[in-house]
């Protein structure tokens, strides 16, 4: 996980592919299209998955905003780093 955080450090935007309803929430790896795959334990209803996605990155010291894809599995995130 720490290697991934170092890799993302210089980016301000990131495309992710979200997989809701998984056993546990975790950040996986990049797929063939260059999107970061993120598994979430919350369902994709009532913004539960989106909120968990934001909290998952926040736990790593990264504040995120969803720019595009609020109701899609493909999302564009804006990253802001906590100092």
N, C-alpha and C. Protein backbone atom coordinates (compact mmCIF):
# COMPACT_ATOMS: atom_id res chain seq x y z
N UNK A 1 0.82 -1.20 0.00
CA UNK A 1 0.00 0.00 0.00
C UNK A 1 0.87 1.26 0.00
N UNK A 2 1.92 1.26 0.79
CA UNK A 2 2.79 2.44 0.86
C UNK A 2 3.45 2.73 -0.48
N UNK A 3 3.82 1.68 -1.24
CA UNK A 3 4.42 1.89 -2.56
C UNK A 3 3.42 2.55 -3.50
N UNK A 4 2.16 2.16 -3.39
CA UNK A 4 1.12 2.76 -4.22
C UNK A 4 0.94 4.23 -3.87
N UNK A 5 0.96 4.55 -2.60
CA UNK A 5 0.82 5.94 -2.16
C UNK A 5 1.97 6.78 -2.71
N UNK A 6 3.19 6.24 -2.68
CA UNK A 6 4.34 6.96 -3.24
C UNK A 6 4.16 7.18 -4.73
N UNK A 7 3.62 6.19 -5.43
CA UNK A 7 3.39 6.29 -6.87
C UNK A 7 2.36 7.38 -7.19
N UNK A 8 1.34 7.49 -6.38
CA UNK A 8 0.27 8.46 -6.61
C UNK A 8 0.65 9.88 -6.18
N UNK A 9 1.66 10.01 -5.41
CA UNK A 9 2.01 11.29 -4.75
C UNK A 9 2.02 12.48 -5.70
N UNK A 10 2.51 12.36 -6.91
CA UNK A 10 2.60 13.50 -7.81
C UNK A 10 1.34 13.79 -8.59
N UNK A 11 0.36 12.93 -8.54
CA UNK A 11 -0.85 13.11 -9.35
C UNK A 11 -1.90 13.92 -8.60
N UNK A 12 -2.64 14.73 -9.35
CA UNK A 12 -3.73 15.47 -8.74
C UNK A 12 -5.09 14.88 -9.12
N UNK A 13 -5.12 14.09 -10.19
CA UNK A 13 -6.35 13.41 -10.60
C UNK A 13 -6.05 11.95 -10.87
N UNK A 14 -7.05 11.12 -10.59
CA UNK A 14 -6.87 9.68 -10.72
C UNK A 14 -8.18 9.04 -11.16
N UNK A 15 -8.10 8.17 -12.14
CA UNK A 15 -9.26 7.42 -12.57
C UNK A 15 -9.29 6.09 -11.81
N UNK A 16 -10.43 5.77 -11.22
CA UNK A 16 -10.56 4.53 -10.45
C UNK A 16 -11.73 3.71 -10.98
N UNK A 17 -11.65 2.40 -10.73
CA UNK A 17 -12.74 1.49 -11.03
C UNK A 17 -13.14 0.86 -9.70
N UNK A 18 -14.38 1.09 -9.28
CA UNK A 18 -14.86 0.67 -7.97
C UNK A 18 -15.64 -0.64 -8.10
N UNK A 19 -15.36 -1.55 -7.17
CA UNK A 19 -16.10 -2.82 -7.08
C UNK A 19 -16.78 -2.87 -5.71
N UNK A 20 -18.07 -2.53 -5.66
CA UNK A 20 -18.79 -2.54 -4.37
C UNK A 20 -19.18 -3.96 -3.97
N UNK A 21 -19.65 -4.09 -2.72
CA UNK A 21 -20.14 -5.35 -2.17
C UNK A 21 -19.09 -6.45 -2.10
N UNK A 22 -17.86 -6.08 -1.82
CA UNK A 22 -16.80 -7.07 -1.64
C UNK A 22 -16.67 -7.39 -0.16
N UNK A 23 -15.88 -8.39 0.15
CA UNK A 23 -15.73 -8.83 1.53
C UNK A 23 -15.13 -7.74 2.41
N UNK A 24 -14.10 -7.05 1.88
CA UNK A 24 -13.48 -5.99 2.66
C UNK A 24 -13.06 -4.85 1.73
N UNK A 25 -12.90 -3.69 2.29
CA UNK A 25 -12.50 -2.52 1.50
C UNK A 25 -10.98 -2.48 1.38
N UNK A 26 -10.48 -2.35 0.16
CA UNK A 26 -9.04 -2.24 -0.03
C UNK A 26 -8.74 -1.66 -1.42
N UNK A 27 -7.57 -1.06 -1.50
CA UNK A 27 -7.08 -0.54 -2.77
C UNK A 27 -6.23 -1.64 -3.39
N UNK A 28 -6.57 -2.05 -4.61
CA UNK A 28 -5.90 -3.19 -5.24
C UNK A 28 -4.72 -2.71 -6.08
N UNK A 29 -4.84 -2.79 -7.39
CA UNK A 29 -3.76 -2.43 -8.31
C UNK A 29 -4.35 -1.74 -9.52
N UNK A 30 -3.51 -1.37 -10.45
CA UNK A 30 -3.97 -0.75 -11.69
C UNK A 30 -4.40 -1.82 -12.67
N UNK A 31 -5.49 -1.57 -13.41
CA UNK A 31 -5.96 -2.51 -14.43
C UNK A 31 -5.30 -2.20 -15.77
N UNK A 32 -5.72 -2.92 -16.80
CA UNK A 32 -5.13 -2.77 -18.14
C UNK A 32 -5.35 -1.38 -18.72
N UNK A 33 -6.42 -0.70 -18.32
CA UNK A 33 -6.72 0.64 -18.82
C UNK A 33 -6.04 1.74 -18.01
N UNK A 34 -5.25 1.36 -17.01
CA UNK A 34 -4.56 2.35 -16.20
C UNK A 34 -5.38 2.92 -15.06
N UNK A 35 -6.53 2.31 -14.78
CA UNK A 35 -7.37 2.76 -13.66
C UNK A 35 -6.99 1.99 -12.40
N UNK A 36 -7.05 2.67 -11.28
CA UNK A 36 -6.80 2.03 -10.00
C UNK A 36 -8.07 1.27 -9.60
N UNK A 37 -7.94 0.00 -9.27
CA UNK A 37 -9.08 -0.82 -8.86
C UNK A 37 -9.21 -0.73 -7.34
N UNK A 38 -10.43 -0.39 -6.88
CA UNK A 38 -10.71 -0.25 -5.46
C UNK A 38 -11.91 -1.13 -5.13
N UNK A 39 -11.72 -2.03 -4.17
CA UNK A 39 -12.83 -2.88 -3.71
C UNK A 39 -13.41 -2.26 -2.45
N UNK A 40 -14.75 -2.23 -2.37
CA UNK A 40 -15.45 -1.64 -1.24
C UNK A 40 -16.43 -2.65 -0.66
N UNK A 41 -16.60 -2.64 0.64
CA UNK A 41 -17.54 -3.56 1.28
C UNK A 41 -18.97 -3.02 1.28
N UNK A 42 -19.13 -1.73 1.11
CA UNK A 42 -20.46 -1.12 1.12
C UNK A 42 -21.16 -1.31 -0.23
N UNK A 43 -22.50 -1.38 -0.21
CA UNK A 43 -23.25 -1.48 -1.46
C UNK A 43 -23.30 -0.14 -2.19
N UNK A 44 -23.58 -0.19 -3.45
CA UNK A 44 -23.65 1.03 -4.28
C UNK A 44 -25.05 1.64 -4.24
N UNK A 45 -25.57 1.85 -3.05
CA UNK A 45 -26.87 2.51 -2.89
C UNK A 45 -26.73 3.62 -1.86
N UNK A 46 -27.50 4.67 -2.05
CA UNK A 46 -27.55 5.82 -1.13
C UNK A 46 -26.16 6.37 -0.84
N UNK A 47 -25.28 6.40 -1.82
CA UNK A 47 -23.92 6.95 -1.69
C UNK A 47 -23.04 6.25 -0.67
N UNK A 48 -23.43 5.07 -0.21
CA UNK A 48 -22.63 4.36 0.78
C UNK A 48 -21.25 3.99 0.23
N UNK A 49 -21.20 3.50 -0.99
CA UNK A 49 -19.91 3.13 -1.59
C UNK A 49 -19.04 4.36 -1.83
N UNK A 50 -19.63 5.45 -2.29
CA UNK A 50 -18.87 6.68 -2.52
C UNK A 50 -18.27 7.20 -1.22
N UNK A 51 -19.04 7.18 -0.14
CA UNK A 51 -18.55 7.64 1.15
C UNK A 51 -17.41 6.75 1.65
N UNK A 52 -17.55 5.45 1.45
CA UNK A 52 -16.48 4.55 1.88
C UNK A 52 -15.21 4.77 1.05
N UNK A 53 -15.37 5.04 -0.22
CA UNK A 53 -14.22 5.34 -1.08
C UNK A 53 -13.46 6.56 -0.56
N UNK A 54 -14.18 7.61 -0.21
CA UNK A 54 -13.56 8.82 0.32
C UNK A 54 -12.85 8.54 1.64
N UNK A 55 -13.50 7.78 2.52
CA UNK A 55 -12.91 7.45 3.83
C UNK A 55 -11.67 6.56 3.68
N UNK A 56 -11.68 5.67 2.71
CA UNK A 56 -10.55 4.78 2.48
C UNK A 56 -9.30 5.57 2.11
N UNK A 57 -9.45 6.53 1.21
CA UNK A 57 -8.30 7.37 0.84
C UNK A 57 -7.91 8.30 1.99
N UNK A 58 -8.89 8.79 2.72
CA UNK A 58 -8.61 9.69 3.85
C UNK A 58 -7.77 8.99 4.91
N UNK A 59 -8.01 7.70 5.11
CA UNK A 59 -7.23 6.94 6.10
C UNK A 59 -5.76 6.85 5.71
N UNK A 60 -5.44 7.10 4.45
CA UNK A 60 -4.06 7.10 3.97
C UNK A 60 -3.49 8.51 3.85
N UNK A 61 -4.23 9.50 4.35
CA UNK A 61 -3.75 10.88 4.32
C UNK A 61 -4.01 11.59 3.00
N UNK A 62 -4.99 11.10 2.24
CA UNK A 62 -5.32 11.70 0.95
C UNK A 62 -6.78 12.13 0.98
N UNK A 63 -7.01 13.41 0.74
CA UNK A 63 -8.39 13.89 0.62
C UNK A 63 -8.79 13.79 -0.84
N UNK A 64 -9.96 13.23 -1.11
CA UNK A 64 -10.41 13.08 -2.49
C UNK A 64 -11.77 13.73 -2.69
N UNK A 65 -11.98 14.19 -3.90
CA UNK A 65 -13.28 14.67 -4.35
C UNK A 65 -13.62 13.89 -5.61
N UNK A 66 -14.87 13.49 -5.72
CA UNK A 66 -15.31 12.79 -6.93
C UNK A 66 -15.68 13.85 -7.95
N UNK A 67 -14.96 13.88 -9.05
CA UNK A 67 -15.18 14.86 -10.11
C UNK A 67 -16.24 14.35 -11.09
N UNK A 68 -16.13 13.06 -11.43
CA UNK A 68 -17.04 12.46 -12.43
C UNK A 68 -17.30 11.02 -12.04
N UNK A 69 -18.52 10.56 -12.28
CA UNK A 69 -18.86 9.16 -12.06
C UNK A 69 -19.54 8.87 -10.74
N UNK A 70 -20.33 9.80 -10.25
CA UNK A 70 -21.00 9.62 -8.96
C UNK A 70 -21.84 8.35 -8.91
N UNK A 71 -22.48 8.01 -10.02
CA UNK A 71 -23.35 6.83 -10.04
C UNK A 71 -22.79 5.73 -10.95
N UNK A 72 -21.50 5.75 -11.16
CA UNK A 72 -20.85 4.78 -12.03
C UNK A 72 -19.73 4.08 -11.28
N UNK A 73 -19.32 2.93 -11.78
CA UNK A 73 -18.15 2.26 -11.18
C UNK A 73 -16.86 2.93 -11.61
N UNK A 74 -16.88 3.59 -12.74
CA UNK A 74 -15.72 4.34 -13.22
C UNK A 74 -15.82 5.76 -12.70
N UNK A 75 -14.81 6.20 -11.95
CA UNK A 75 -14.85 7.52 -11.34
C UNK A 75 -13.55 8.26 -11.61
N UNK A 76 -13.64 9.57 -11.65
CA UNK A 76 -12.48 10.42 -11.72
C UNK A 76 -12.38 11.15 -10.39
N UNK A 77 -11.24 10.99 -9.71
CA UNK A 77 -11.04 11.59 -8.40
C UNK A 77 -10.01 12.71 -8.49
N UNK A 78 -10.22 13.73 -7.69
CA UNK A 78 -9.19 14.75 -7.51
C UNK A 78 -8.54 14.50 -6.16
N UNK A 79 -7.21 14.40 -6.15
CA UNK A 79 -6.47 14.08 -4.94
C UNK A 79 -5.88 15.34 -4.33
N UNK A 80 -5.97 15.45 -3.01
CA UNK A 80 -5.34 16.54 -2.27
C UNK A 80 -4.62 15.89 -1.09
N UNK A 81 -3.36 16.20 -0.97
CA UNK A 81 -2.51 15.54 0.03
C UNK A 81 -2.49 16.31 1.32
N UNK A 82 -2.67 15.59 2.44
CA UNK A 82 -2.48 16.19 3.75
C UNK A 82 -0.99 16.30 4.00
N UNK A 83 -0.56 17.39 4.56
CA UNK A 83 0.87 17.60 4.81
C UNK A 83 1.33 16.85 6.02
